[in-house]
Amino acid sequence: YGLADSYPKVLFEDIPPILLDPVDRAEDATPAAHYVCPIYKESARKGVLSTTGHSSNHICDMLVPVLEEHVLKDPLGKPDSNKFWSRRGVAMITQLDD
């Protein structure tokens, strides 16, 4: 299982329910191949910056497993799946514009 390319002409897709199970860092089983996926309130992906420098639209980031075929290598040869998915503009959005 993991993040995969969408079908042609499909801009939005529902994500299955996600169980958030907090664990100690020593017990973390996050796969090596993952994408740091931003979660936004609205599809605009922009917001007003607060005094702390955080966007009012950005909620948090979530580590999403990806398929090995979508993992690129950085200049040092380490896996980097973030480049592949961020170039495609992949993000989670809590509400679509009507």
C-alpha atoms as a PDB file:
ATOM      1  CA  TYR A   1       0.000   0.000   0.000  1.00  0.00           C
ATOM      2  CA  GLY A   2       1.082   3.563  -0.483  1.00  0.00           C
ATOM      3  CA  LEU A   3       0.568   6.815  -2.327  1.00  0.00           C
ATOM      4  CA  ALA A   4       0.189   6.272  -6.076  1.00  0.00           C
ATOM      5  CA  ASP A   5      -0.409   8.422  -9.160  1.00  0.00           C
ATOM      6  CA  SER A   6      -4.001   9.427  -9.826  1.00  0.00           C
ATOM      7  CA  TYR A   7      -6.014   8.470 -12.866  1.00  0.00           C
ATOM      8  CA  PRO A   8      -5.975  10.897 -15.825  1.00  0.00           C
ATOM      9  CA  LYS A   9      -8.164  13.989 -15.342  1.00  0.00           C
ATOM     10  CA  VAL A  10      -8.832  13.164 -11.653  1.00  0.00           C
ATOM     11  CA  LEU A  11      -7.901  16.218  -9.588  1.00  0.00           C
ATOM     12  CA  PHE A  12      -9.283  15.200  -6.193  1.00  0.00           C
ATOM     13  CA  GLU A  13      -9.569  11.798  -4.549  1.00  0.00           C
ATOM     14  CA  ASP A  14     -10.887  10.776  -1.140  1.00  0.00           C
ATOM     15  CA  ILE A  15      -8.288   9.407   1.230  1.00  0.00           C
ATOM     16  CA  PRO A  16      -9.239   6.393   3.319  1.00  0.00           C
ATOM     17  CA  PRO A  17      -9.709   6.856   7.061  1.00  0.00           C
ATOM     18  CA  ILE A  18      -6.406   7.144   8.886  1.00  0.00           C
ATOM     19  CA  LEU A  19      -5.779   5.779  12.356  1.00  0.00           C
ATOM     20  CA  LEU A  20      -3.437   8.040  14.312  1.00  0.00           C
ATOM     21  CA  ASP A  21      -1.621   5.871  16.831  1.00  0.00           C
ATOM     22  CA  PRO A  22       0.969   7.840  18.826  1.00  0.00           C
ATOM     23  CA  VAL A  23       4.118   5.891  19.732  1.00  0.00           C
ATOM     24  CA  ASP A  24       7.547   6.612  21.181  1.00  0.00           C
ATOM     25  CA  ARG A  25      10.185   7.493  18.602  1.00  0.00           C
ATOM     26  CA  ALA A  26      12.053   4.280  19.434  1.00  0.00           C
ATOM     27  CA  GLU A  27       8.962   2.268  18.419  1.00  0.00           C
ATOM     28  CA  ASP A  28       8.161   4.303  15.284  1.00  0.00           C
ATOM     29  CA  ALA A  29       7.481   2.015  12.317  1.00  0.00           C
ATOM     30  CA  THR A  30       7.195   4.723   9.642  1.00  0.00           C
ATOM     31  CA  PRO A  31       8.395   3.253   6.334  1.00  0.00           C
ATOM     32  CA  ALA A  32      11.612   4.667   4.884  1.00  0.00           C
ATOM     33  CA  ALA A  33       9.722   5.506   1.678  1.00  0.00           C
ATOM     34  CA  HIS A  34       7.264   8.197   2.747  1.00  0.00           C
ATOM     35  CA  TYR A  35       6.078  11.639   1.655  1.00  0.00           C
ATOM     36  CA  VAL A  36       5.770  14.533   4.075  1.00  0.00           C
ATOM     37  CA  CYS A  37       2.281  15.529   2.926  1.00  0.00           C
ATOM     38  CA  PRO A  38       0.948  18.967   3.925  1.00  0.00           C
ATOM     39  CA  ILE A  39      -2.638  19.222   5.162  1.00  0.00           C
ATOM     40  CA  TYR A  40      -4.528  22.437   4.367  1.00  0.00           C
ATOM     41  CA  LYS A  41      -7.929  23.767   5.427  1.00  0.00           C
ATOM     42  CA  GLU A  42      -8.758  25.035   1.918  1.00  0.00           C
ATOM     43  CA  SER A  43      -7.536  24.266  -1.586  1.00  0.00           C
ATOM     44  CA  ALA A  44      -5.976  27.736  -2.021  1.00  0.00           C
ATOM     45  CA  ARG A  45      -2.852  26.484  -0.181  1.00  0.00           C
ATOM     46  CA  LYS A  46      -2.125  29.959   1.027  1.00  0.00           C
ATOM     47  CA  GLY A  47      -3.137  31.841   4.099  1.00  0.00           C
ATOM     48  CA  VAL A  48      -2.371  34.833   6.212  1.00  0.00           C
ATOM     49  CA  LEU A  49       0.904  34.543   8.084  1.00  0.00           C
ATOM     50  CA  SER A  50       0.532  34.887  11.821  1.00  0.00           C
ATOM     51  CA  THR A  51       3.035  36.629  14.054  1.00  0.00           C
ATOM     52  CA  THR A  52       4.707  33.233  14.609  1.00  0.00           C
ATOM     53  CA  GLY A  53       5.289  32.888  10.852  1.00  0.00           C
ATOM     54  CA  HIS A  54       2.792  30.052  10.346  1.00  0.00           C
ATOM     55  CA  SER A  55       0.117  30.082   7.651  1.00  0.00           C
ATOM     56  CA  SER A  56      -3.494  30.241   8.806  1.00  0.00           C
ATOM     57  CA  ASN A  57      -4.383  27.648   6.123  1.00  0.00           C
ATOM     58  CA  HIS A  58      -1.723  25.003   6.884  1.00  0.00           C
ATOM     59  CA  ILE A  59      -2.815  22.525   9.565  1.00  0.00           C
ATOM     60  CA  CYS A  60       0.111  20.107   9.813  1.00  0.00           C
ATOM     61  CA  ASP A  61       2.173  17.582   7.845  1.00  0.00           C
ATOM     62  CA  MET A  62       1.540  13.847   7.724  1.00  0.00           C
ATOM     63  CA  LEU A  63       3.986  11.107   6.752  1.00  0.00           C
ATOM     64  CA  VAL A  64       2.284   9.082   4.008  1.00  0.00           C
ATOM     65  CA  PRO A  65       3.780   5.784   2.763  1.00  0.00           C
ATOM     66  CA  VAL A  66       4.656   5.737  -0.948  1.00  0.00           C
ATOM     67  CA  LEU A  67       5.347   2.992  -3.444  1.00  0.00           C
ATOM     68  CA  GLU A  68       9.042   2.275  -4.060  1.00  0.00           C
ATOM     69  CA  GLU A  69       8.655   3.119  -7.766  1.00  0.00           C
ATOM     70  CA  HIS A  70       8.018   6.776  -6.824  1.00  0.00           C
ATOM     71  CA  VAL A  71      11.141   7.228  -4.729  1.00  0.00           C
ATOM     72  CA  LEU A  72      13.842   9.348  -6.349  1.00  0.00           C
ATOM     73  CA  LYS A  73      17.452   9.486  -5.202  1.00  0.00           C
ATOM     74  CA  ASP A  74      18.981  12.715  -3.925  1.00  0.00           C
ATOM     75  CA  PRO A  75      22.533  13.723  -5.012  1.00  0.00           C
ATOM     76  CA  LEU A  76      23.983  11.655  -2.142  1.00  0.00           C
ATOM     77  CA  GLY A  77      22.059   8.548  -3.236  1.00  0.00           C
ATOM     78  CA  LYS A  78      19.560   8.643  -0.352  1.00  0.00           C
ATOM     79  CA  PRO A  79      15.855   8.050  -1.099  1.00  0.00           C
ATOM     80  CA  ASP A  80      13.823  11.246  -1.524  1.00  0.00           C
ATOM     81  CA  SER A  81      10.126  10.742  -2.266  1.00  0.00           C
ATOM     82  CA  ASN A  82       9.260  14.342  -1.331  1.00  0.00           C
ATOM     83  CA  LYS A  83      10.619  15.719  -4.608  1.00  0.00           C
ATOM     84  CA  PHE A  84       8.462  13.381  -6.715  1.00  0.00           C
ATOM     85  CA  TRP A  85       5.174  14.214  -4.961  1.00  0.00           C
ATOM     86  CA  SER A  86       5.741  17.919  -4.260  1.00  0.00           C
ATOM     87  CA  ARG A  87       6.410  18.487  -7.987  1.00  0.00           C
ATOM     88  CA  ARG A  88       2.916  17.101  -8.568  1.00  0.00           C
ATOM     89  CA  GLY A  89       1.410  19.390  -5.927  1.00  0.00           C
ATOM     90  CA  VAL A  90       0.122  16.536  -3.752  1.00  0.00           C
ATOM     91  CA  ALA A  91      -1.548  17.712  -0.540  1.00  0.00           C
ATOM     92  CA  MET A  92      -4.471  16.810   1.674  1.00  0.00           C
ATOM     93  CA  ILE A  93      -7.328  19.305   1.827  1.00  0.00           C
ATOM     94  CA  THR A  94     -10.024  19.232   4.510  1.00  0.00           C
ATOM     95  CA  GLN A  95     -12.686  20.963   2.389  1.00  0.00           C
ATOM     96  CA  LEU A  96     -13.106  21.495  -1.342  1.00  0.00           C
ATOM     97  CA  ASP A  97     -14.295  24.755  -2.868  1.00  0.00           C
ATOM     98  CA  ASP A  98     -17.911  24.715  -4.031  1.00  0.00           C
END
